[in-house]
Amino acid sequence: MSDMNISFFEDLATKPAFCFTSDIDWAPESMIKEILNIFSQHGIPLTPFITHHSETIKEHYKGSKTRYVGLHPNFLSGSTQGSDLEEIITNLVDLWPDAKCFRSHLFFDNKLIAEEFYARGFRYDSNLCLHLQPNLVPLQHFSGLLRFPVFLEDDTYALREKIWDLSHVKDFLKTPGLKVFNFHPIHVALNTPDMDYYESVKKDVDENWKRLVFKGAGVYTFLVELLEYVSNNPGLGVFYLHDLYSFITDTAPKDVIESQARVLEKYDKSTIEKRVQAVRTDYDTRDGKELYVTSRDFNLREIEIDFTINCIREKTNANSQKIIPRILDIGCGNGYTDIRIAKVLKAEIVGIDFSKEMIKGAEHLREKSKGEIISSPIFQVGDVRKLDHADNYFDVVVSERCLLNLPDRDTQYNVIREFHRVLKKGGAYIMVEGTLNGLRRLNELRLKVGLEPIPDRAEYNVSSLKFEEKEIEEFLSTYFKILLKHHFGMYYLISRVVHPLLVLPDQPRFNARINKIAREIAMHEPDYKKIGHVMGFVLEAI
């Protein structure tokens, strides 16, 4: 765990990561073929957990794909896999020697099972079901195993929900965190509507099972609807379970790393509009009602917002009752920054974002905060590349990690020109965006103390287009007077260097007390050697 890929792990704090699995459960070969065909048709990876020899599995998962198969031991009384724990594990390991992951039948679990698997070289499992729980992350088990909880399992769903309409769970799908699904071939093939139906037909299941298929809504219709949802949202991350483990622990094999590189290469070679669509899709699949849906680190987010509010106050004398500044927040996300501004400043606030889901979230947060706000922000779906506002209209423009998500440098510069156009002469542009220089300085320090560098971007964060500080300052100087350059280095020092070193071999957590302390210290001493990939500018339109 000391080589944890923190960047990937942190990304689960803001967006979902999908992984489909299947407990084979002694299903007939034709049923196994059926579920593999469904996933192949949709181009979505499936991790099977095997109970017995299957020629279909053997043929489908050969070569480099053997690592994608897990074991499904049955430790219950009367198991056909062996007479005791060690014999059952031995028989299954002999069945599939390349397996490094397991999930027990009925999630049966105890200390001895976990320790025995770890002793045999297994490093992760999926032996826990946390039904429809948001914000799931891998769990560090005492045995040394990394545990990937199941988010939705078909038979549990059939017992608890029984509503085979994807709209019933769509809000859950948009929440951040792991989304590990488990579908059994037998339930998919039979289109099981509930467990009573399954119990009534399971004794008759054989290779002629099609006569037993339920003719209505059930597991099969639900799975197909779910796969179509995932297929139609290309911004979603969909992984084999093994690749999730590899990314998080920085042990990805060469072909997986090459696959990651191809995702970035594909984005880089896409047209401008396809890049924009990819990022929009990403945000449209998130839950805008989640307070920190656009941020990985809520303490840092609050520091950035405090900086923004203080700068607005200084530039507009907004504490005066006579002055009602007009504020435009570009790329406002779910409007959380604007809600915070509206709680302390009387202003005309407009927030614009290209994601409909983010704007829905912003409207939700505004309604939820009605009794606390002294201004009422207006939220609009719009394209920041061409603002629908008059020249010289706003007193303040704010962009907080908006330019990062734009498709190329020319677009970034054109958007900054738009900001200048809608600003009054002498108006303020509060810019909180990413710089490559700050990231390099942070990584130089991390490397000196034995920590892995934080990547500039990855396959799950393709649009992070940061600035070179000298280059952006030269461009900004054409349109603005640079009044202030502000770094958040003290927070980065404690949260990205000290905190990881303290918790090794475990991974840092955003809600750890030390991050709260880092935030409090940064309020008094904000900078340390300009480290950190986000910095703030206060600019005056000329």
Protein backbone atom coordinates (compact mmCIF):
# COMPACT_ATOMS: atom_id res chain seq x y z
CA MET A 1 0.00 0.00 0.00
CA SER A 2 2.99 2.33 0.29
CA ASP A 3 2.94 2.67 -3.49
CA MET A 4 -0.71 3.75 -3.51
CA ASN A 5 -1.62 5.83 -6.54
CA ILE A 6 -3.17 8.66 -4.54
CA SER A 7 -4.34 10.54 -7.63
CA PHE A 8 -6.56 7.66 -8.75
CA PHE A 9 -7.74 7.01 -5.20
CA GLU A 10 -8.60 10.69 -4.73
CA ASP A 11 -10.56 10.73 -7.97
CA LEU A 12 -13.11 8.39 -6.39
CA ALA A 13 -14.04 11.29 -4.10
CA THR A 14 -15.65 13.17 -6.98
CA LYS A 15 -16.77 10.66 -9.60
CA PRO A 16 -17.89 7.05 -9.98
CA ALA A 17 -15.71 4.17 -11.22
CA PHE A 18 -17.69 1.25 -12.66
CA CYS A 19 -16.68 -2.41 -12.50
CA PHE A 20 -18.85 -5.37 -13.54
CA THR A 21 -18.36 -8.82 -12.05
CA SER A 22 -20.15 -12.15 -12.22
CA ASP A 23 -20.27 -15.02 -9.72
CA ILE A 24 -20.49 -18.04 -12.03
CA ASP A 25 -22.17 -20.22 -9.37
CA TRP A 26 -22.08 -23.54 -11.25
CA ALA A 27 -24.19 -22.15 -14.10
CA PRO A 28 -24.63 -24.22 -17.30
CA GLU A 29 -22.18 -23.37 -20.09
CA SER A 30 -24.92 -21.85 -22.24
CA MET A 31 -25.80 -19.40 -19.47
CA ILE A 32 -22.14 -18.43 -19.09
CA LYS A 33 -21.96 -17.84 -22.86
CA GLU A 34 -25.11 -15.75 -22.63
CA ILE A 35 -23.73 -13.28 -20.07
CA LEU A 36 -20.34 -13.04 -21.82
CA ASN A 37 -22.10 -12.28 -25.11
CA ILE A 38 -24.16 -9.51 -23.49
CA PHE A 39 -21.05 -7.78 -22.16
CA SER A 40 -19.12 -8.31 -25.41
CA GLN A 41 -21.92 -6.74 -27.44
CA HIS A 42 -21.75 -3.63 -25.27
CA GLY A 43 -17.93 -3.58 -25.24
CA ILE A 44 -17.82 -3.56 -21.43
CA PRO A 45 -15.27 -5.57 -19.39
CA LEU A 46 -16.52 -8.32 -17.08
CA THR A 47 -14.62 -9.95 -14.18
CA PRO A 48 -15.89 -13.52 -13.55
CA PHE A 49 -15.50 -15.33 -10.23
CA ILE A 50 -15.37 -19.05 -11.01
CA THR A 51 -16.68 -21.99 -8.99
CA HIS A 52 -15.74 -24.82 -11.36
CA HIS A 53 -14.07 -25.61 -14.69
CA SER A 54 -15.73 -23.86 -17.63
CA GLU A 55 -14.52 -24.24 -21.21
CA THR A 56 -16.32 -20.99 -22.04
CA ILE A 57 -14.38 -19.05 -19.39
CA LYS A 58 -11.13 -20.80 -20.37
CA GLU A 59 -11.57 -19.80 -24.03
CA HIS A 60 -12.69 -16.23 -23.32
CA TYR A 61 -10.03 -15.39 -20.71
CA LYS A 62 -6.82 -16.66 -22.22
CA GLY A 63 -3.40 -15.12 -22.74
CA SER A 64 -3.02 -11.80 -20.90
CA LYS A 65 -6.71 -11.93 -19.89
CA THR A 66 -6.18 -14.80 -17.43
CA ARG A 67 -5.45 -12.23 -14.73
CA TYR A 68 -9.00 -10.95 -14.98
CA VAL A 69 -10.54 -14.11 -13.49
CA GLY A 70 -11.20 -14.42 -9.75
CA LEU A 71 -12.12 -17.40 -7.54
CA HIS A 72 -15.53 -18.02 -5.94
CA PRO A 73 -15.00 -20.49 -3.09
CA ASN A 74 -17.89 -22.08 -1.20
CA PHE A 75 -16.97 -22.47 2.46
CA LEU A 76 -20.48 -23.48 3.55
CA SER A 77 -21.38 -26.92 4.85
CA GLY A 78 -21.58 -29.57 2.12
CA SER A 79 -19.31 -27.69 -0.30
CA THR A 80 -18.45 -29.66 -3.45
CA GLN A 81 -15.12 -27.83 -3.73
CA GLY A 82 -13.42 -29.55 -0.78
CA SER A 83 -13.79 -30.76 2.78
CA ASP A 84 -12.07 -27.88 4.59
CA LEU A 85 -10.80 -24.34 4.06
CA GLU A 86 -7.32 -25.26 2.84
CA GLU A 87 -8.57 -27.98 0.47
CA ILE A 88 -11.21 -25.68 -1.04
CA ILE A 89 -8.67 -22.92 -1.67
CA THR A 90 -6.10 -25.38 -3.04
CA ASN A 91 -8.59 -26.90 -5.48
CA LEU A 92 -9.67 -23.50 -6.79
CA VAL A 93 -6.10 -22.19 -7.06
CA ASP A 94 -5.24 -25.32 -9.09
CA LEU A 95 -8.28 -24.59 -11.24
CA TRP A 96 -7.07 -21.05 -12.10
CA PRO A 97 -3.44 -20.46 -10.99
CA ASP A 98 -3.32 -16.86 -12.29
CA ALA A 99 -6.14 -15.68 -10.00
CA LYS A 100 -5.20 -13.03 -7.44
CA CYS A 101 -8.69 -12.13 -6.27
CA PHE A 102 -11.62 -13.94 -4.64
CA ARG A 103 -15.19 -13.50 -3.46
CA SER A 104 -16.74 -16.16 -1.20
CA HIS A 105 -20.11 -17.75 -1.89
CA LEU A 106 -22.72 -15.70 0.03
CA PHE A 107 -19.85 -13.36 1.04
CA PHE A 108 -18.80 -15.84 3.74
CA ASP A 109 -15.85 -14.32 5.57
CA ASN A 110 -13.57 -14.82 8.53
CA LYS A 111 -10.03 -14.09 9.68
CA LEU A 112 -8.64 -17.48 8.62
CA ILE A 113 -9.97 -17.21 5.05
CA ALA A 114 -8.44 -13.78 4.48
CA GLU A 115 -5.08 -14.73 5.98
CA GLU A 116 -4.86 -17.97 3.98
CA PHE A 117 -5.58 -16.23 0.68
CA TYR A 118 -3.03 -13.50 1.43
CA ALA A 119 -0.42 -16.13 2.34
CA ARG A 120 -1.00 -17.71 -1.09
CA GLY A 121 -0.24 -14.48 -2.93
CA PHE A 122 -3.75 -13.01 -3.25
CA ARG A 123 -3.74 -9.25 -2.82
CA TYR A 124 -7.36 -8.12 -3.21
CA ASP A 125 -10.91 -9.39 -2.83
CA SER A 126 -14.51 -8.28 -3.31
CA ASN A 127 -15.98 -10.09 -0.33
CA LEU A 128 -18.45 -7.53 1.02
CA CYS A 129 -21.76 -6.11 -0.21
CA LEU A 130 -22.65 -2.51 0.72
CA HIS A 131 -25.98 -2.12 -1.05
CA LEU A 132 -26.26 1.11 -3.11
CA GLN A 133 -23.90 2.94 -0.74
CA PRO A 134 -22.35 6.11 -2.19
CA ASN A 135 -18.71 7.16 -1.83
CA LEU A 136 -17.36 3.62 -1.67
CA VAL A 137 -13.58 3.25 -1.74
CA PRO A 138 -11.26 0.23 -1.51
CA LEU A 139 -10.89 -0.91 2.09
CA GLN A 140 -7.56 -1.93 3.60
CA HIS A 141 -8.23 -5.29 5.29
CA PHE A 142 -6.15 -6.26 8.33
CA SER A 143 -4.85 -9.32 6.42
CA GLY A 144 -3.13 -7.11 3.84
CA LEU A 145 -5.84 -7.60 1.23
CA LEU A 146 -7.35 -4.60 -0.53
CA ARG A 147 -11.12 -5.07 -0.48
CA PHE A 148 -13.45 -3.77 -3.22
CA PRO A 149 -17.01 -3.66 -1.81
CA VAL A 150 -19.92 -4.60 -4.07
CA PHE A 151 -22.28 -1.70 -4.77
CA LEU A 152 -25.15 -3.68 -6.33
CA GLU A 153 -25.76 -7.43 -6.54
CA ASP A 154 -28.68 -8.81 -8.53
CA ASP A 155 -30.11 -11.24 -5.95
CA THR A 156 -29.77 -8.72 -3.10
CA TYR A 157 -31.48 -6.16 -5.30
CA ALA A 158 -34.23 -8.68 -6.09
CA LEU A 159 -34.84 -9.15 -2.37
CA ARG A 160 -34.70 -5.49 -1.32
CA GLU A 161 -35.79 -3.32 -4.25
CA LYS A 162 -37.71 -5.42 -6.83
CA ILE A 163 -38.07 -2.40 -9.14
CA TRP A 164 -36.40 -3.35 -12.43
CA ASP A 165 -36.29 0.16 -13.85
CA LEU A 166 -32.94 1.95 -14.03
CA SER A 167 -34.54 5.26 -13.02
CA HIS A 168 -34.95 3.72 -9.56
CA VAL A 169 -31.17 3.78 -9.02
CA LYS A 170 -29.94 6.50 -11.42
CA ASP A 171 -29.29 8.98 -8.61
CA PHE A 172 -27.18 6.33 -6.87
CA LEU A 173 -25.21 5.70 -10.06
CA LYS A 174 -24.14 9.35 -10.20
CA THR A 175 -22.71 9.42 -6.68
CA PRO A 176 -18.90 9.35 -6.34
CA GLY A 177 -17.00 6.19 -5.50
CA LEU A 178 -16.68 2.57 -6.54
CA LYS A 179 -19.59 1.01 -8.39
CA VAL A 180 -18.82 -2.73 -8.35
CA PHE A 181 -21.76 -4.73 -9.74
CA ASN A 182 -22.34 -8.46 -9.46
CA PHE A 183 -24.66 -10.30 -11.85
CA HIS A 184 -25.08 -14.08 -11.78
CA PRO A 185 -25.38 -15.88 -15.16
CA ILE A 186 -28.41 -17.83 -13.92
CA HIS A 187 -30.35 -14.71 -12.89
CA VAL A 188 -29.44 -12.91 -16.11
CA ALA A 189 -30.41 -15.88 -18.26
CA LEU A 190 -33.71 -16.45 -16.45
CA ASN A 191 -34.44 -12.72 -16.17
CA THR A 192 -35.21 -13.34 -12.49
CA PRO A 193 -37.89 -10.88 -11.25
CA ASP A 194 -37.70 -11.93 -7.58
CA MET A 195 -36.32 -14.72 -5.46
CA ASP A 196 -39.67 -16.51 -5.14
CA TYR A 197 -39.73 -16.97 -8.93
CA TYR A 198 -36.13 -18.19 -8.92
CA GLU A 199 -36.80 -20.73 -6.14
CA SER A 200 -39.79 -22.06 -8.09
CA VAL A 201 -37.80 -22.79 -11.28
CA LYS A 202 -34.17 -23.42 -10.23
CA LYS A 203 -34.66 -27.18 -9.80
CA ASP A 204 -35.65 -27.37 -13.49
CA VAL A 205 -32.64 -25.42 -14.80
CA ASP A 206 -30.58 -27.29 -17.40
CA GLU A 207 -29.20 -26.55 -20.88
CA ASN A 208 -32.81 -26.05 -22.06
CA TRP A 209 -33.36 -23.20 -19.61
CA LYS A 210 -34.88 -20.78 -22.16
CA ARG A 211 -38.33 -22.20 -21.50
CA LEU A 212 -38.03 -20.84 -17.97
CA VAL A 213 -37.21 -17.22 -18.87
CA PHE A 214 -39.47 -14.68 -17.15
CA LYS A 215 -41.41 -12.60 -19.70
CA GLY A 216 -41.33 -9.22 -18.04
CA ALA A 217 -38.99 -6.86 -16.19
CA GLY A 218 -36.22 -8.61 -14.32
CA VAL A 219 -32.46 -8.98 -13.95
CA TYR A 220 -31.79 -9.29 -17.69
CA THR A 221 -33.82 -6.23 -18.75
CA PHE A 222 -32.27 -4.24 -15.89
CA LEU A 223 -28.72 -5.27 -16.82
CA VAL A 224 -29.20 -4.36 -20.48
CA GLU A 225 -30.59 -0.94 -19.51
CA LEU A 226 -27.61 -0.43 -17.17
CA LEU A 227 -25.06 -1.43 -19.84
CA GLU A 228 -26.68 0.92 -22.35
CA TYR A 229 -26.49 3.74 -19.79
CA VAL A 230 -22.77 3.09 -19.33
CA SER A 231 -22.15 2.70 -23.08
CA ASN A 232 -23.92 5.97 -23.84
CA ASN A 233 -21.84 7.88 -21.29
CA PRO A 234 -18.27 7.65 -22.62
CA GLY A 235 -16.94 9.84 -19.83
CA LEU A 236 -17.53 7.06 -17.29
CA GLY A 237 -14.57 4.99 -16.14
CA VAL A 238 -15.29 1.26 -16.61
CA PHE A 239 -12.65 -1.23 -15.49
CA TYR A 240 -11.77 -4.84 -14.89
CA LEU A 241 -11.38 -5.37 -11.14
CA HIS A 242 -7.73 -6.30 -11.63
CA ASP A 243 -7.05 -3.03 -13.46
CA LEU A 244 -8.67 -1.05 -10.63
CA TYR A 245 -6.31 -2.77 -8.22
CA SER A 246 -3.36 -2.14 -10.56
CA PHE A 247 -4.12 1.56 -10.97
CA ILE A 248 -4.59 2.13 -7.25
CA THR A 249 -1.43 0.28 -6.23
CA ASP A 250 0.70 1.46 -9.16
CA THR A 251 1.33 -2.13 -10.28
CA ALA A 252 -0.36 -1.93 -13.66
CA PRO A 253 1.27 -4.29 -16.21
CA LYS A 254 2.70 -2.96 -19.44
CA ASP A 255 -0.38 -3.57 -21.59
CA VAL A 256 -2.63 -1.81 -19.05
CA ILE A 257 -0.26 1.16 -18.89
CA GLU A 258 -0.25 1.27 -22.69
CA SER A 259 -4.06 1.19 -22.60
CA GLN A 260 -4.02 4.20 -20.25
CA ALA A 261 -1.69 6.02 -22.63
CA ARG A 262 -4.05 5.26 -25.51
CA VAL A 263 -6.94 6.93 -23.65
CA LEU A 264 -4.89 10.10 -23.31
CA GLU A 265 -3.69 9.83 -26.89
CA LYS A 266 -7.26 9.36 -28.13
CA TYR A 267 -8.35 12.49 -26.25
CA ASP A 268 -5.40 14.49 -27.58
CA LYS A 269 -6.18 13.42 -31.16
CA SER A 270 -9.91 14.17 -30.84
CA THR A 271 -11.51 17.26 -32.31
CA ILE A 272 -12.13 20.22 -30.03
CA GLU A 273 -15.84 19.46 -29.87
CA LYS A 274 -15.27 15.80 -28.99
CA ARG A 275 -12.97 16.84 -26.15
CA VAL A 276 -15.62 19.25 -24.86
CA GLN A 277 -18.27 16.52 -25.11
CA ALA A 278 -16.08 14.03 -23.22
CA VAL A 279 -15.65 16.44 -20.30
CA ARG A 280 -19.33 17.43 -20.33
CA THR A 281 -20.33 13.77 -20.23
CA ASP A 282 -18.05 13.24 -17.25
CA TYR A 283 -19.76 16.01 -15.27
CA ASP A 284 -23.24 15.02 -16.42
CA THR A 285 -22.73 11.61 -14.83
CA ARG A 286 -21.94 13.10 -11.41
CA ASP A 287 -24.47 13.96 -8.73
CA GLY A 288 -24.68 17.76 -8.61
CA LYS A 289 -26.43 17.62 -5.23
CA GLU A 290 -23.22 16.41 -3.59
CA LEU A 291 -21.65 19.48 -1.96
CA TYR A 292 -18.06 18.83 -3.10
CA VAL A 293 -18.84 16.97 -6.31
CA THR A 294 -16.34 18.99 -8.37
CA SER A 295 -13.52 18.89 -5.84
CA ARG A 296 -11.33 16.10 -4.54
CA ASP A 297 -10.18 17.94 -1.44
CA PHE A 298 -12.91 19.84 0.39
CA ASN A 299 -10.49 21.62 2.73
CA LEU A 300 -8.53 23.00 -0.21
CA ARG A 301 -11.79 23.94 -1.90
CA GLU A 302 -12.84 25.97 1.13
CA ILE A 303 -9.44 27.71 1.17
CA GLU A 304 -9.88 28.64 -2.51
CA ILE A 305 -13.39 29.97 -1.89
CA ASP A 306 -12.25 32.03 1.11
CA PHE A 307 -9.54 33.52 -1.10
CA THR A 308 -12.13 34.36 -3.78
CA ILE A 309 -14.56 35.99 -1.32
CA ASN A 310 -11.85 38.08 0.32
CA CYS A 311 -10.64 39.30 -3.08
CA ILE A 312 -14.18 40.25 -4.17
CA ARG A 313 -14.65 42.21 -0.95
CA GLU A 314 -11.40 44.11 -1.44
CA LYS A 315 -11.97 44.91 -5.11
CA THR A 316 -15.63 45.98 -4.87
CA ASN A 317 -16.05 47.37 -1.35
CA ALA A 318 -18.91 44.89 -1.24
CA ASN A 319 -19.45 45.39 2.47
CA SER A 320 -20.94 48.82 1.67
CA GLN A 321 -24.72 48.73 1.45
CA LYS A 322 -24.60 51.15 -1.50
CA ILE A 323 -22.62 48.86 -3.77
CA ILE A 324 -24.25 45.79 -5.33
CA PRO A 325 -21.54 44.20 -7.51
CA ARG A 326 -22.35 42.05 -10.50
CA ILE A 327 -20.43 38.76 -10.29
CA LEU A 328 -20.06 36.13 -13.02
CA ASP A 329 -18.82 32.66 -12.03
CA ILE A 330 -17.59 30.81 -15.11
CA GLY A 331 -17.69 27.01 -14.95
CA CYS A 332 -19.62 27.23 -11.70
CA GLY A 333 -20.19 23.47 -11.38
CA ASN A 334 -22.88 22.81 -8.79
CA GLY A 335 -22.77 26.44 -7.66
CA TYR A 336 -21.24 25.80 -4.25
CA THR A 337 -18.82 28.74 -4.55
CA ASP A 338 -21.70 31.05 -5.47
CA ILE A 339 -23.80 29.83 -2.55
CA ARG A 340 -20.88 30.60 -0.22
CA ILE A 341 -20.55 34.08 -1.76
CA ALA A 342 -24.31 34.62 -1.48
CA LYS A 343 -24.21 33.89 2.25
CA VAL A 344 -21.87 36.80 3.00
CA LEU A 345 -22.18 39.34 0.16
CA LYS A 346 -25.12 41.25 -1.26
CA ALA A 347 -24.53 40.89 -5.00
CA GLU A 348 -26.02 40.00 -8.38
CA ILE A 349 -24.47 36.57 -8.97
CA VAL A 350 -24.65 34.58 -12.20
CA GLY A 351 -23.19 31.08 -12.45
CA ILE A 352 -22.67 29.41 -15.84
CA ASP A 353 -21.74 25.78 -16.55
CA PHE A 354 -21.97 23.51 -19.59
CA SER A 355 -23.29 20.55 -17.57
CA LYS A 356 -27.05 20.36 -17.13
CA GLU A 357 -26.60 18.03 -14.14
CA MET A 358 -24.30 20.51 -12.42
CA ILE A 359 -26.80 23.34 -12.93
CA LYS A 360 -29.59 21.15 -11.54
CA GLY A 361 -27.38 20.57 -8.51
CA ALA A 362 -26.74 24.33 -8.20
CA GLU A 363 -30.47 25.06 -8.20
CA HIS A 364 -30.97 22.37 -5.56
CA LEU A 365 -28.27 23.87 -3.32
CA ARG A 366 -29.75 27.36 -3.77
CA GLU A 367 -33.19 26.17 -2.65
CA LYS A 368 -31.67 24.26 0.25
CA SER A 369 -29.81 27.41 1.40
CA LYS A 370 -32.74 29.84 1.10
CA GLY A 371 -32.76 30.75 4.78
CA GLU A 372 -29.01 31.38 4.85
CA ILE A 373 -28.28 33.44 1.73
CA ILE A 374 -28.60 37.21 1.39
CA SER A 375 -28.32 37.06 -2.41
CA SER A 376 -30.04 34.69 -4.83
CA PRO A 377 -27.65 33.44 -7.53
CA ILE A 378 -28.94 32.79 -11.03
CA PHE A 379 -27.66 29.58 -12.64
CA GLN A 380 -27.55 28.98 -16.39
CA VAL A 381 -26.44 26.24 -18.77
CA GLY A 382 -24.04 27.89 -21.20
CA ASP A 383 -20.85 27.72 -23.22
CA VAL A 384 -18.02 29.74 -21.68
CA ARG A 385 -16.44 30.04 -25.12
CA LYS A 386 -19.12 32.54 -26.17
CA LEU A 387 -20.76 34.38 -23.31
CA ASP A 388 -24.26 35.70 -23.84
CA HIS A 389 -23.61 38.95 -21.97
CA ALA A 390 -23.02 42.56 -22.97
CA ASP A 391 -19.61 44.21 -23.00
CA ASN A 392 -18.45 45.94 -19.81
CA TYR A 393 -21.28 44.41 -17.76
CA PHE A 394 -19.76 42.65 -14.73
CA ASP A 395 -17.74 44.01 -11.83
CA VAL A 396 -16.14 40.62 -11.12
CA VAL A 397 -15.49 37.44 -13.09
CA VAL A 398 -14.50 34.29 -11.21
CA SER A 399 -13.05 31.10 -12.65
CA GLU A 400 -12.19 28.29 -10.25
CA ARG A 401 -10.60 25.31 -12.05
CA CYS A 402 -12.68 26.06 -15.15
CA LEU A 403 -9.90 26.80 -17.65
CA LEU A 404 -8.30 23.46 -16.69
CA ASN A 405 -11.16 21.64 -18.38
CA LEU A 406 -11.00 23.48 -21.70
CA PRO A 407 -9.79 21.48 -24.72
CA ASP A 408 -6.68 23.40 -25.80
CA ARG A 409 -4.54 26.47 -25.13
CA ASP A 410 -6.14 28.62 -27.85
CA THR A 411 -9.58 27.99 -26.36
CA GLN A 412 -8.29 28.94 -22.92
CA TYR A 413 -6.90 32.22 -24.22
CA ASN A 414 -10.06 33.02 -26.19
CA VAL A 415 -12.17 32.41 -23.10
CA ILE A 416 -9.97 34.77 -21.06
CA ARG A 417 -10.55 37.38 -23.80
CA GLU A 418 -14.30 36.80 -23.30
CA PHE A 419 -13.86 37.41 -19.57
CA HIS A 420 -12.14 40.71 -20.39
CA ARG A 421 -14.92 41.68 -22.81
CA VAL A 422 -17.74 41.30 -20.27
CA LEU A 423 -15.78 42.96 -17.45
CA LYS A 424 -16.04 46.68 -16.75
CA LYS A 425 -12.83 48.65 -17.09
CA GLY A 426 -11.11 48.27 -13.75
CA GLY A 427 -13.24 45.19 -13.00
CA ALA A 428 -11.66 42.21 -11.26
CA TYR A 429 -10.93 38.77 -12.63
CA ILE A 430 -10.35 36.28 -9.77
CA MET A 431 -8.55 33.36 -11.38
CA VAL A 432 -7.94 30.13 -9.44
CA GLU A 433 -6.40 27.69 -11.92
CA GLY A 434 -3.71 25.05 -12.28
CA THR A 435 -0.03 25.54 -13.03
CA LEU A 436 2.53 23.00 -14.14
CA ASN A 437 5.28 24.84 -12.28
CA GLY A 438 3.55 24.45 -8.93
CA LEU A 439 2.98 20.76 -9.57
CA ARG A 440 6.65 20.29 -10.51
CA ARG A 441 7.79 22.04 -7.33
CA LEU A 442 5.48 19.84 -5.25
CA ASN A 443 6.69 16.65 -6.94
CA GLU A 444 10.34 17.61 -6.49
CA LEU A 445 9.71 17.77 -2.74
CA ARG A 446 7.72 14.53 -2.71
CA LEU A 447 10.52 12.69 -4.53
CA LYS A 448 13.11 13.98 -2.05
CA VAL A 449 11.20 12.38 0.84
CA GLY A 450 10.45 9.11 -0.97
CA LEU A 451 6.90 9.76 -2.20
CA GLU A 452 5.67 9.05 -5.71
CA PRO A 453 5.08 12.11 -7.94
CA ILE A 454 1.49 13.17 -8.55
CA PRO A 455 0.75 12.81 -12.29
CA ASP A 456 -0.23 15.85 -14.33
CA ARG A 457 -3.18 13.93 -15.72
CA ALA A 458 -4.33 10.35 -16.25
CA GLU A 459 -6.87 8.33 -18.23
CA TYR A 460 -9.54 9.20 -15.68
CA ASN A 461 -8.63 12.93 -15.78
CA VAL A 462 -7.76 13.64 -19.41
CA SER A 463 -8.65 17.34 -19.50
CA SER A 464 -6.36 18.79 -16.83
CA LEU A 465 -4.68 21.46 -18.99
CA LYS A 466 -2.48 23.48 -16.63
CA PHE A 467 -0.53 26.65 -17.44
CA GLU A 468 3.16 27.46 -17.52
CA GLU A 469 3.31 30.42 -15.12
CA LYS A 470 5.58 32.64 -17.23
CA GLU A 471 3.50 32.03 -20.35
CA ILE A 472 0.13 32.75 -18.75
CA GLU A 473 1.41 35.85 -16.97
CA GLU A 474 2.68 37.29 -20.24
CA PHE A 475 -0.69 36.66 -21.88
CA LEU A 476 -2.70 38.06 -18.96
CA SER A 477 -0.61 41.24 -18.95
CA THR A 478 -2.05 42.16 -22.36
CA TYR A 479 -5.55 42.48 -20.91
CA PHE A 480 -5.12 42.84 -17.16
CA LYS A 481 -2.96 44.41 -14.52
CA ILE A 482 -1.71 41.62 -12.24
CA LEU A 483 -2.48 42.83 -8.70
CA LEU A 484 -1.76 39.64 -6.77
CA LYS A 485 -0.32 36.15 -7.25
CA HIS A 486 -1.33 33.79 -4.47
CA HIS A 487 -0.06 30.27 -3.77
CA PHE A 488 -1.58 27.72 -1.42
CA GLY A 489 1.75 26.04 -0.67
CA MET A 490 1.39 25.58 3.09
CA TYR A 491 -1.72 23.48 2.67
CA TYR A 492 -0.03 21.40 -0.03
CA LEU A 493 3.04 20.89 2.16
CA ILE A 494 1.01 19.41 5.01
CA SER A 495 -1.69 17.56 3.04
CA ARG A 496 0.42 16.24 0.14
CA VAL A 497 3.78 15.66 1.84
CA VAL A 498 3.54 15.46 5.65
CA HIS A 499 0.17 13.67 5.74
CA PRO A 500 1.16 10.86 3.30
CA LEU A 501 4.43 10.29 5.17
CA LEU A 502 2.62 10.04 8.52
CA VAL A 503 0.10 7.41 7.40
CA LEU A 504 2.35 5.15 5.33
CA PRO A 505 1.69 2.39 4.36
CA ASP A 506 -1.98 3.48 4.41
CA GLN A 507 -3.43 6.11 2.10
CA PRO A 508 -4.22 9.71 3.13
CA ARG A 509 -7.87 10.65 3.66
CA PHE A 510 -9.39 14.01 2.82
CA ASN A 511 -11.40 14.04 6.05
CA ALA A 512 -8.36 13.34 8.23
CA ARG A 513 -7.87 15.80 11.08
CA ILE A 514 -4.43 16.78 9.82
CA ASN A 515 -5.97 18.24 6.65
CA LYS A 516 -8.27 20.37 8.79
CA ILE A 517 -5.21 21.53 10.76
CA ALA A 518 -3.42 22.24 7.47
CA ARG A 519 -6.33 24.44 6.43
CA GLU A 520 -6.21 26.37 9.72
CA ILE A 521 -2.45 26.93 9.47
CA ALA A 522 -2.78 28.02 5.82
CA MET A 523 -5.22 30.74 6.89
CA HIS A 524 -2.33 32.46 8.73
CA GLU A 525 0.67 31.36 6.64
CA PRO A 526 -0.72 30.50 3.19
CA ASP A 527 2.42 29.74 1.22
CA TYR A 528 5.41 27.45 1.30
CA LYS A 529 7.84 27.73 -1.63
CA LYS A 530 4.98 28.11 -4.15
CA ILE A 531 4.25 24.36 -4.23
CA GLY A 532 0.94 22.97 -5.39
CA HIS A 533 -0.76 22.72 -8.76
CA VAL A 534 -3.43 25.39 -8.08
CA MET A 535 -2.72 29.09 -7.55
CA GLY A 536 -4.77 32.28 -7.51
CA PHE A 537 -4.48 35.55 -9.42
CA VAL A 538 -6.23 38.84 -8.79
CA LEU A 539 -6.39 40.77 -12.07
CA GLU A 540 -7.72 44.20 -13.01
CA ALA A 541 -9.17 44.73 -16.49
CA ILE A 542 -7.34 47.33 -18.60
